[in-house]
C-alpha atoms as a PDB file:
ATOM      1  CA  MET A   1     -49.582-165.575  41.103  1.00  0.00           C
ATOM      2  CA  LEU A   2     -52.743-167.252  39.818  1.00  0.00           C
ATOM      3  CA  ASN A   3     -54.395-165.895  36.707  1.00  0.00           C
ATOM      4  CA  PHE A   4     -58.154-166.542  36.873  1.00  0.00           C
ATOM      5  CA  ILE A   5     -58.946-164.647  33.657  1.00  0.00           C
ATOM      6  CA  ASN A   6     -57.499-165.865  30.382  1.00  0.00           C
ATOM      7  CA  LEU A   7     -57.461-162.746  28.251  1.00  0.00           C
ATOM      8  CA  PRO A   8     -57.229-163.303  24.502  1.00  0.00           C
ATOM      9  CA  ALA A   9     -53.964-162.244  22.884  1.00  0.00           C
ATOM     10  CA  ILE A  10     -54.436-159.223  20.635  1.00  0.00           C
ATOM     11  CA  PRO A  11     -52.088-159.500  17.633  1.00  0.00           C
ATOM     12  CA  PHE A  12     -51.241-155.821  17.225  1.00  0.00           C
ATOM     13  CA  GLY A  13     -47.883-156.691  15.697  1.00  0.00           C
ATOM     14  CA  ASP A  14     -49.445-159.013  13.137  1.00  0.00           C
ATOM     15  CA  TRP A  15     -51.977-156.354  12.159  1.00  0.00           C
ATOM     16  CA  PHE A  16     -49.246-153.789  11.671  1.00  0.00           C
ATOM     17  CA  GLU A  17     -47.175-156.232   9.635  1.00  0.00           C
ATOM     18  CA  THR A  18     -50.201-156.914   7.430  1.00  0.00           C
ATOM     19  CA  PHE A  19     -50.664-153.180   6.949  1.00  0.00           C
ATOM     20  CA  ILE A  20     -47.017-152.711   5.942  1.00  0.00           C
ATOM     21  CA  ASP A  21     -47.258-155.653   3.530  1.00  0.00           C
ATOM     22  CA  PHE A  22     -50.356-154.050   1.998  1.00  0.00           C
ATOM     23  CA  LEU A  23     -48.464-150.800   1.469  1.00  0.00           C
ATOM     24  CA  VAL A  24     -45.516-152.603  -0.116  1.00  0.00           C
ATOM     25  CA  ASP A  25     -47.738-154.639  -2.435  1.00  0.00           C
ATOM     26  CA  ASN A  26     -49.892-151.731  -3.606  1.00  0.00           C
ATOM     27  CA  PHE A  27     -47.772-148.579  -3.333  1.00  0.00           C
ATOM     28  CA  SER A  28     -44.193-149.702  -3.934  1.00  0.00           C
ATOM     29  CA  GLY A  29     -43.914-147.375  -6.947  1.00  0.00           C
ATOM     30  CA  PHE A  30     -44.934-144.392  -4.831  1.00  0.00           C
ATOM     31  CA  PHE A  31     -42.398-145.246  -2.126  1.00  0.00           C
ATOM     32  CA  ASP A  32     -39.682-145.706  -4.759  1.00  0.00           C
ATOM     33  CA  PHE A  33     -40.507-142.241  -6.100  1.00  0.00           C
ATOM     34  CA  ILE A  34     -40.328-140.670  -2.625  1.00  0.00           C
ATOM     35  CA  SER A  35     -37.049-142.484  -2.020  1.00  0.00           C
ATOM     36  CA  TYR A  36     -35.669-141.155  -5.306  1.00  0.00           C
ATOM     37  CA  LEU A  37     -36.659-137.566  -4.435  1.00  0.00           C
ATOM     38  CA  ILE A  38     -35.165-137.707  -0.947  1.00  0.00           C
ATOM     39  CA  ASP A  39     -31.951-139.323  -2.161  1.00  0.00           C
ATOM     40  CA  ASN A  40     -31.456-136.610  -4.767  1.00  0.00           C
ATOM     41  CA  LEU A  41     -32.333-133.882  -2.281  1.00  0.00           C
ATOM     42  CA  VAL A  42     -29.645-135.177   0.090  1.00  0.00           C
ATOM     43  CA  ILE A  43     -27.157-135.289  -2.789  1.00  0.00           C
ATOM     44  CA  ILE A  44     -27.954-131.659  -3.663  1.00  0.00           C
ATOM     45  CA  PHE A  45     -27.375-130.523  -0.070  1.00  0.00           C
ATOM     46  CA  GLU A  46     -24.152-132.515   0.134  1.00  0.00           C
ATOM     47  CA  THR A  47     -22.923-131.042  -3.158  1.00  0.00           C
ATOM     48  CA  VAL A  48     -23.648-127.474  -2.060  1.00  0.00           C
ATOM     49  CA  LEU A  49     -22.023-127.944   1.352  1.00  0.00           C
ATOM     50  CA  SER A  50     -19.018-129.758  -0.129  1.00  0.00           C
ATOM     51  CA  PHE A  51     -18.364-127.171  -2.860  1.00  0.00           C
ATOM     52  CA  PRO A  52     -16.443-124.594  -0.769  1.00  0.00           C
ATOM     53  CA  PRO A  53     -13.218-125.665   0.980  1.00  0.00           C
ATOM     54  CA  SER A  54     -13.599-126.590   4.630  1.00  0.00           C
ATOM     55  CA  LEU A  55     -11.937-123.357   5.789  1.00  0.00           C
ATOM     56  CA  VAL A  56     -14.317-121.224   3.722  1.00  0.00           C
ATOM     57  CA  LEU A  57     -17.425-123.091   4.902  1.00  0.00           C
ATOM     58  CA  ALA A  58     -16.287-122.870   8.524  1.00  0.00           C
ATOM     59  CA  LEU A  59     -15.799-119.126   8.054  1.00  0.00           C
ATOM     60  CA  LEU A  60     -19.268-118.779   6.509  1.00  0.00           C
ATOM     61  CA  PHE A  61     -20.851-120.565   9.463  1.00  0.00           C
ATOM     62  CA  ALA A  62     -18.856-118.353  11.836  1.00  0.00           C
ATOM     63  CA  VAL A  63     -20.126-115.214  10.101  1.00  0.00           C
ATOM     64  CA  LEU A  64     -23.681-116.521  10.302  1.00  0.00           C
ATOM     65  CA  ALA A  65     -23.198-117.270  14.008  1.00  0.00           C
ATOM     66  CA  TYR A  66     -21.910-113.738  14.547  1.00  0.00           C
ATOM     67  CA  PHE A  67     -24.987-112.161  12.945  1.00  0.00           C
ATOM     68  CA  VAL A  68     -27.497-114.316  14.831  1.00  0.00           C
ATOM     69  CA  SER A  69     -25.659-114.191  18.167  1.00  0.00           C
ATOM     70  CA  ASN A  70     -22.255-112.730  19.063  1.00  0.00           C
ATOM     71  CA  LYS A  71     -18.531-112.962  18.405  1.00  0.00           C
ATOM     72  CA  TRP A  72     -18.018-115.688  21.004  1.00  0.00           C
ATOM     73  CA  LEU A  73     -20.391-118.054  19.240  1.00  0.00           C
ATOM     74  CA  ALA A  74     -18.723-117.146  15.944  1.00  0.00           C
ATOM     75  CA  ILE A  75     -15.272-117.960  17.330  1.00  0.00           C
ATOM     76  CA  GLY A  76     -16.490-121.194  18.895  1.00  0.00           C
ATOM     77  CA  THR A  77     -18.202-122.227  15.666  1.00  0.00           C
ATOM     78  CA  PHE A  78     -15.081-121.567  13.607  1.00  0.00           C
ATOM     79  CA  ILE A  79     -12.778-123.435  15.996  1.00  0.00           C
ATOM     80  CA  GLY A  80     -15.221-126.339  16.384  1.00  0.00           C
ATOM     81  CA  LEU A  81     -15.620-126.865  12.649  1.00  0.00           C
ATOM     82  CA  LEU A  82     -11.868-126.661  12.088  1.00  0.00           C
ATOM     83  CA  LEU A  83     -11.443-129.288  14.817  1.00  0.00           C
ATOM     84  CA  ILE A  84     -13.760-131.624  12.914  1.00  0.00           C
ATOM     85  CA  ASP A  85     -11.652-131.077   9.812  1.00  0.00           C
ATOM     86  CA  SER A  86      -8.412-131.651  11.711  1.00  0.00           C
ATOM     87  CA  ILE A  87      -9.480-135.115  12.911  1.00  0.00           C
ATOM     88  CA  GLY A  88     -10.367-136.155   9.362  1.00  0.00           C
ATOM     89  CA  LEU A  89     -14.150-136.272   9.729  1.00  0.00           C
ATOM     90  CA  TRP A  90     -15.109-133.281   7.590  1.00  0.00           C
ATOM     91  CA  ASP A  91     -16.718-135.321   4.807  1.00  0.00           C
ATOM     92  CA  SER A  92     -18.714-137.381   7.291  1.00  0.00           C
ATOM     93  CA  ALA A  93     -19.803-134.192   9.087  1.00  0.00           C
ATOM     94  CA  ILE A  94     -20.997-132.712   5.774  1.00  0.00           C
ATOM     95  CA  GLU A  95     -23.000-135.872   5.060  1.00  0.00           C
ATOM     96  CA  THR A  96     -24.535-135.693   8.536  1.00  0.00           C
ATOM     97  CA  LEU A  97     -25.305-131.995   8.168  1.00  0.00           C
ATOM     98  CA  ALA A  98     -26.979-132.622   4.802  1.00  0.00           C
ATOM     99  CA  LEU A  99     -29.146-135.376   6.309  1.00  0.00           C
ATOM    100  CA  VAL A 100     -30.070-133.177   9.280  1.00  0.00           C
ATOM    101  CA  LEU A 101     -30.980-130.219   7.061  1.00  0.00           C
ATOM    102  CA  VAL A 102     -33.099-132.314   4.689  1.00  0.00           C
ATOM    103  CA  SER A 103     -34.854-134.109   7.547  1.00  0.00           C
ATOM    104  CA  SER A 104     -35.434-130.885   9.479  1.00  0.00           C
ATOM    105  CA  VAL A 105     -36.736-128.933   6.488  1.00  0.00           C
ATOM    106  CA  LEU A 106     -39.180-131.693   5.551  1.00  0.00           C
ATOM    107  CA  ALA A 107     -40.262-132.130   9.183  1.00  0.00           C
ATOM    108  CA  LEU A 108     -40.904-128.377   9.461  1.00  0.00           C
ATOM    109  CA  LEU A 109     -42.774-128.218   6.161  1.00  0.00           C
ATOM    110  CA  LEU A 110     -45.081-130.946   7.463  1.00  0.00           C
ATOM    111  CA  GLY A 111     -45.147-130.056  11.148  1.00  0.00           C
ATOM    112  CA  ILE A 112     -45.809-126.304  11.150  1.00  0.00           C
ATOM    113  CA  PRO A 113     -48.982-126.507   8.980  1.00  0.00           C
ATOM    114  CA  ILE A 114     -50.266-129.387  11.118  1.00  0.00           C
ATOM    115  CA  GLY A 115     -49.660-127.298  14.243  1.00  0.00           C
ATOM    116  CA  ILE A 116     -51.505-124.350  12.699  1.00  0.00           C
ATOM    117  CA  VAL A 117     -54.502-126.498  11.777  1.00  0.00           C
ATOM    118  CA  ALA A 118     -54.484-128.152  15.213  1.00  0.00           C
ATOM    119  CA  ALA A 119     -54.552-124.717  16.878  1.00  0.00           C
ATOM    120  CA  LYS A 120     -57.395-123.511  14.679  1.00  0.00           C
ATOM    121  CA  TYR A 121     -59.561-126.611  15.065  1.00  0.00           C
ATOM    122  CA  LYS A 122     -59.459-127.537  18.749  1.00  0.00           C
ATOM    123  CA  LYS A 123     -61.219-130.904  18.502  1.00  0.00           C
ATOM    124  CA  PHE A 124     -58.945-132.034  15.690  1.00  0.00           C
ATOM    125  CA  GLY A 125     -55.887-130.900  17.648  1.00  0.00           C
ATOM    126  CA  ASN A 126     -56.847-132.433  20.984  1.00  0.00           C
ATOM    127  CA  LYS A 127     -58.560-135.643  19.903  1.00  0.00           C
ATOM    128  CA  ILE A 128     -56.563-136.634  16.817  1.00  0.00           C
ATOM    129  CA  VAL A 129     -53.244-134.791  16.579  1.00  0.00           C
ATOM    130  CA  ARG A 130     -52.341-134.941  20.262  1.00  0.00           C
ATOM    131  CA  PRO A 131     -52.714-138.758  20.665  1.00  0.00           C
ATOM    132  CA  ILE A 132     -50.726-139.314  17.453  1.00  0.00           C
ATOM    133  CA  LEU A 133     -47.936-137.054  18.726  1.00  0.00           C
ATOM    134  CA  ASP A 134     -47.938-138.876  22.071  1.00  0.00           C
ATOM    135  CA  PHE A 135     -47.545-142.147  20.186  1.00  0.00           C
ATOM    136  CA  MET A 136     -44.756-140.769  17.986  1.00  0.00           C
ATOM    137  CA  GLN A 137     -42.785-139.371  20.929  1.00  0.00           C
ATOM    138  CA  THR A 138     -43.058-142.387  23.224  1.00  0.00           C
ATOM    139  CA  MET A 139     -42.339-145.063  20.611  1.00  0.00           C
ATOM    140  CA  PRO A 140     -38.664-146.134  20.866  1.00  0.00           C
ATOM    141  CA  ALA A 141     -36.604-144.590  18.095  1.00  0.00           C
ATOM    142  CA  PHE A 142     -35.291-147.939  16.868  1.00  0.00           C
ATOM    143  CA  VAL A 143     -38.816-149.142  16.081  1.00  0.00           C
ATOM    144  CA  TYR A 144     -39.134-146.543  13.300  1.00  0.00           C
ATOM    145  CA  LEU A 145     -36.202-148.119  11.486  1.00  0.00           C
ATOM    146  CA  ILE A 146     -38.028-151.372  10.704  1.00  0.00           C
ATOM    147  CA  PRO A 147     -40.931-150.074   8.559  1.00  0.00           C
ATOM    148  CA  ALA A 148     -38.636-147.431   7.059  1.00  0.00           C
ATOM    149  CA  VAL A 149     -36.312-150.135   5.719  1.00  0.00           C
ATOM    150  CA  ILE A 150     -39.205-152.237   4.405  1.00  0.00           C
ATOM    151  CA  LEU A 151     -40.832-149.310   2.591  1.00  0.00           C
ATOM    152  CA  PHE A 152     -37.767-147.358   1.445  1.00  0.00           C
ATOM    153  CA  SER A 153     -34.959-149.953   1.521  1.00  0.00           C
ATOM    154  CA  THR A 154     -31.656-149.163   3.232  1.00  0.00           C
ATOM    155  CA  GLY A 155     -29.732-145.940   2.802  1.00  0.00           C
ATOM    156  CA  ASN A 156     -30.297-142.237   3.241  1.00  0.00           C
ATOM    157  CA  PRO A 157     -34.009-142.123   2.236  1.00  0.00           C
ATOM    158  CA  SER A 158     -35.117-144.575   4.927  1.00  0.00           C
ATOM    159  CA  GLY A 159     -32.959-142.720   7.462  1.00  0.00           C
ATOM    160  CA  VAL A 160     -34.543-139.391   6.509  1.00  0.00           C
ATOM    161  CA  ILE A 161     -38.088-140.792   6.747  1.00  0.00           C
ATOM    162  CA  ALA A 162     -37.438-142.320  10.178  1.00  0.00           C
ATOM    163  CA  THR A 163     -35.858-139.036  11.307  1.00  0.00           C
ATOM    164  CA  ILE A 164     -38.828-136.967  10.106  1.00  0.00           C
ATOM    165  CA  ILE A 165     -41.279-139.124  12.067  1.00  0.00           C
ATOM    166  CA  PHE A 166     -39.104-139.003  15.176  1.00  0.00           C
ATOM    167  CA  ALA A 167     -38.289-135.273  15.051  1.00  0.00           C
ATOM    168  CA  MET A 168     -41.568-133.715  13.924  1.00  0.00           C
ATOM    169  CA  PRO A 169     -43.692-133.772  17.151  1.00  0.00           C
ATOM    170  CA  PRO A 170     -41.961-130.863  18.969  1.00  0.00           C
ATOM    171  CA  VAL A 171     -42.566-128.337  16.197  1.00  0.00           C
ATOM    172  CA  VAL A 172     -46.204-129.442  15.871  1.00  0.00           C
ATOM    173  CA  ARG A 173     -46.788-129.091  19.613  1.00  0.00           C
ATOM    174  CA  LEU A 174     -45.016-125.755  19.991  1.00  0.00           C
ATOM    175  CA  THR A 175     -46.597-124.255  16.860  1.00  0.00           C
ATOM    176  CA  LYS A 176     -50.011-125.158  18.266  1.00  0.00           C
ATOM    177  CA  LEU A 177     -49.052-123.858  21.711  1.00  0.00           C
ATOM    178  CA  GLY A 178     -47.624-120.610  20.354  1.00  0.00           C
ATOM    179  CA  ILE A 179     -50.758-119.761  18.366  1.00  0.00           C
ATOM    180  CA  GLU A 180     -53.028-120.689  21.285  1.00  0.00           C
ATOM    181  CA  GLN A 181     -51.043-118.396  23.600  1.00  0.00           C
ATOM    182  CA  VAL A 182     -51.511-115.301  21.438  1.00  0.00           C
ATOM    183  CA  PRO A 183     -53.254-112.807  23.775  1.00  0.00           C
ATOM    184  CA  ALA A 184     -56.990-112.545  23.204  1.00  0.00           C
ATOM    185  CA  GLU A 185     -56.826-108.732  23.138  1.00  0.00           C
ATOM    186  CA  VAL A 186     -54.385-108.891  20.219  1.00  0.00           C
ATOM    187  CA  THR A 187     -56.679-111.090  18.145  1.00  0.00           C
ATOM    188  CA  GLU A 188     -59.725-109.004  19.097  1.00  0.00           C
ATOM    189  CA  ALA A 189     -57.945-105.829  18.012  1.00  0.00           C
ATOM    190  CA  ALA A 190     -57.090-107.424  14.678  1.00  0.00           C
ATOM    191  CA  LYS A 191     -60.687-108.562  14.188  1.00  0.00           C
ATOM    192  CA  SER A 192     -62.005-105.106  14.989  1.00  0.00           C
ATOM    193  CA  MET A 193     -59.784-103.720  12.232  1.00  0.00           C
ATOM    194  CA  GLY A 194     -61.388-106.073   9.728  1.00  0.00           C
ATOM    195  CA  SER A 195     -58.611-108.657   9.388  1.00  0.00           C
ATOM    196  CA  THR A 196     -59.478-111.810   7.474  1.00  0.00           C
ATOM    197  CA  SER A 197     -58.560-115.260   8.809  1.00  0.00           C
ATOM    198  CA  GLN A 198     -55.519-115.368   6.544  1.00  0.00           C
ATOM    199  CA  GLN A 199     -54.386-111.892   7.580  1.00  0.00           C
ATOM    200  CA  MET A 200     -54.943-112.815  11.224  1.00  0.00           C
ATOM    201  CA  LEU A 201     -52.713-115.854  10.846  1.00  0.00           C
ATOM    202  CA  LEU A 202     -49.916-114.332   8.777  1.00  0.00           C
ATOM    203  CA  LYS A 203     -49.734-110.848  10.296  1.00  0.00           C
ATOM    204  CA  VAL A 204     -50.790-111.400  13.911  1.00  0.00           C
ATOM    205  CA  GLN A 205     -50.728-114.975  15.200  1.00  0.00           C
ATOM    206  CA  LEU A 206     -47.585-116.322  13.539  1.00  0.00           C
ATOM    207  CA  PRO A 207     -45.397-113.254  14.294  1.00  0.00           C
ATOM    208  CA  VAL A 208     -46.464-113.259  17.960  1.00  0.00           C
ATOM    209  CA  ALA A 209     -46.042-117.038  18.226  1.00  0.00           C
ATOM    210  CA  MET A 210     -42.707-117.075  16.374  1.00  0.00           C
ATOM    211  CA  PRO A 211     -40.439-117.338  19.481  1.00  0.00           C
ATOM    212  CA  THR A 212     -42.338-120.443  20.593  1.00  0.00           C
ATOM    213  CA  ILE A 213     -42.279-121.872  17.060  1.00  0.00           C
ATOM    214  CA  LEU A 214     -38.522-121.272  16.879  1.00  0.00           C
ATOM    215  CA  ALA A 215     -38.128-123.228  20.124  1.00  0.00           C
ATOM    216  CA  GLY A 216     -39.931-126.099  18.390  1.00  0.00           C
ATOM    217  CA  ILE A 217     -37.648-125.747  15.378  1.00  0.00           C
ATOM    218  CA  ASN A 218     -34.631-125.950  17.696  1.00  0.00           C
ATOM    219  CA  GLN A 219     -35.901-129.170  19.260  1.00  0.00           C
ATOM    220  CA  THR A 220     -36.716-130.670  15.871  1.00  0.00           C
ATOM    221  CA  ILE A 221     -33.177-129.996  14.609  1.00  0.00           C
ATOM    222  CA  MET A 222     -31.639-131.525  17.735  1.00  0.00           C
ATOM    223  CA  LEU A 223     -33.813-134.629  17.489  1.00  0.00           C
ATOM    224  CA  SER A 224     -32.972-134.894  13.787  1.00  0.00           C
ATOM    225  CA  LEU A 225     -29.275-134.944  14.599  1.00  0.00           C
ATOM    226  CA  SER A 226     -29.688-137.636  17.251  1.00  0.00           C
ATOM    227  CA  MET A 227     -31.862-139.783  14.985  1.00  0.00           C
ATOM    228  CA  VAL A 228     -29.560-139.419  11.977  1.00  0.00           C
ATOM    229  CA  VAL A 229     -26.818-141.040  14.049  1.00  0.00           C
ATOM    230  CA  ILE A 230     -29.135-143.924  14.972  1.00  0.00           C
ATOM    231  CA  ALA A 231     -30.236-144.230  11.330  1.00  0.00           C
ATOM    232  CA  SER A 232     -26.721-145.332  10.422  1.00  0.00           C
ATOM    233  CA  MET A 233     -27.952-148.785  11.437  1.00  0.00           C
ATOM    234  CA  ILE A 234     -30.072-148.845   8.264  1.00  0.00           C
ATOM    235  CA  GLY A 235     -27.435-147.462   5.934  1.00  0.00           C
ATOM    236  CA  ALA A 236     -27.578-143.690   6.478  1.00  0.00           C
ATOM    237  CA  LYS A 237     -24.236-142.026   5.857  1.00  0.00           C
ATOM    238  CA  GLY A 238     -22.310-139.535   7.950  1.00  0.00           C
ATOM    239  CA  LEU A 239     -20.878-139.529  11.441  1.00  0.00           C
ATOM    240  CA  GLY A 240     -23.358-142.172  12.556  1.00  0.00           C
ATOM    241  CA  ALA A 241     -21.706-144.629  10.177  1.00  0.00           C
ATOM    242  CA  ASP A 242     -18.343-143.791  11.776  1.00  0.00           C
ATOM    243  CA  VAL A 243     -19.801-144.423  15.233  1.00  0.00           C
ATOM    244  CA  ARG A 244     -21.283-147.741  14.076  1.00  0.00           C
ATOM    245  CA  THR A 245     -17.966-148.811  12.523  1.00  0.00           C
ATOM    246  CA  ALA A 246     -16.086-147.920  15.702  1.00  0.00           C
ATOM    247  CA  LEU A 247     -18.612-149.890  17.754  1.00  0.00           C
ATOM    248  CA  SER A 248     -18.350-152.977  15.548  1.00  0.00           C
ATOM    249  CA  THR A 249     -14.546-152.916  15.691  1.00  0.00           C
ATOM    250  CA  VAL A 250     -14.343-151.750  19.332  1.00  0.00           C
ATOM    251  CA  ASN A 251     -12.212-148.817  18.187  1.00  0.00           C
ATOM    252  CA  ILE A 252     -12.283-146.417  21.130  1.00  0.00           C
ATOM    253  CA  ALA A 253     -10.309-143.639  19.416  1.00  0.00           C
ATOM    254  CA  GLU A 254     -12.457-143.605  16.280  1.00  0.00           C
ATOM    255  CA  GLY A 255     -15.668-143.720  18.304  1.00  0.00           C
ATOM    256  CA  PHE A 256     -14.564-140.862  20.562  1.00  0.00           C
ATOM    257  CA  GLU A 257     -13.575-138.667  17.614  1.00  0.00           C
ATOM    258  CA  ALA A 258     -16.875-139.314  15.825  1.00  0.00           C
ATOM    259  CA  GLY A 259     -18.737-138.559  19.047  1.00  0.00           C
ATOM    260  CA  ILE A 260     -16.852-135.277  19.488  1.00  0.00           C
ATOM    261  CA  ALA A 261     -17.762-134.280  15.917  1.00  0.00           C
ATOM    262  CA  VAL A 262     -21.447-134.995  16.614  1.00  0.00           C
ATOM    263  CA  VAL A 263     -21.285-132.923  19.804  1.00  0.00           C
ATOM    264  CA  ILE A 264     -19.709-129.976  17.961  1.00  0.00           C
ATOM    265  CA  LEU A 265     -22.383-130.030  15.252  1.00  0.00           C
ATOM    266  CA  ALA A 266     -25.093-130.274  17.893  1.00  0.00           C
ATOM    267  CA  MET A 267     -23.716-127.331  19.870  1.00  0.00           C
ATOM    268  CA  VAL A 268     -23.357-125.137  16.777  1.00  0.00           C
ATOM    269  CA  LEU A 269     -26.884-125.863  15.517  1.00  0.00           C
ATOM    270  CA  ASP A 270     -28.391-125.576  19.003  1.00  0.00           C
ATOM    271  CA  ARG A 271     -26.755-122.257  19.891  1.00  0.00           C
ATOM    272  CA  MET A 272     -27.580-120.680  16.537  1.00  0.00           C
ATOM    273  CA  THR A 273     -31.258-121.669  16.582  1.00  0.00           C
ATOM    274  CA  GLN A 274     -31.568-120.635  20.235  1.00  0.00           C
ATOM    275  CA  ALA A 275     -30.096-117.252  19.370  1.00  0.00           C
ATOM    276  CA  LEU A 276     -32.649-116.824  16.578  1.00  0.00           C
ATOM    277  CA  GLY A 277     -35.434-117.533  19.067  1.00  0.00           C
ATOM    278  CA  LYS A 278     -34.084-115.034  21.588  1.00  0.00           C
ATOM    279  CA  ASN A 279     -33.688-112.331  18.935  1.00  0.00           C
ATOM    280  CA  LYS A 280     -37.233-112.889  17.721  1.00  0.00           C
ATOM    281  CA  LYS A 281     -38.573-112.747  21.271  1.00  0.00           C
ATOM    282  CA  LYS A 282     -36.832-109.439  21.900  1.00  0.00           C
ATOM    283  CA  SER A 283     -38.212-107.975  18.665  1.00  0.00           C
ATOM    284  CA  THR A 284     -41.794-108.917  19.615  1.00  0.00           C
ATOM    285  CA  GLN A 285     -41.607-107.385  23.077  1.00  0.00           C
END
């Protein structure tokens, strides 16, 4: 097919590389500090989760599952975690869980306030936040690994940063959506009673929107788990490293066992966060 118009090549990649080089040259100390904080935060989570014996921690998770859901989830959680221990992947599962918790907590601490601001200021939410979220969600996950390695080197910190960027959009979107869907009569009633903007947010909008926000939290945790496995390619620890090792050695048994452990963690975290959302929805009705 003939091409009658010779369009100039736009070097987007070169521009981005120049931007990353600028950050490395001028803010390397800042990125080293962030890397140090994240690394120590992961170590703290790992230490806390590793302190009790596997049986005790599995029992604690089962009790938590019972209180947020029912006895069947508690039994399934207990059996699933003991299965991970029985195949010798308990330490890797703890490392993965620590990475997921750190990534999820940081993503929520950043994402929920952004969603609140985006809901309050419509133009900011629709014209700035929304296109950025579209970009973040459609960009292939592997692409985030490259700048993360350059800025934060290899290891857990770069994996956490890449995971935060990948997993944050759902909680931003659903926080914004939940606040926007608060019935107008509810907000009008609060205004008529003299509520300030802060009281309106904390006592009316957030409680009513909480089931939707919890759905966003659930999605963020699930995306964090999937990205943490991918982040093993840049040195992140945990079950992802076991999957990568099995892939490099074509070890079917090791890969299957690591995959089963990831599935169990995903099911436990998913069912527990879903149960929290359902309980909150029932309490608001």
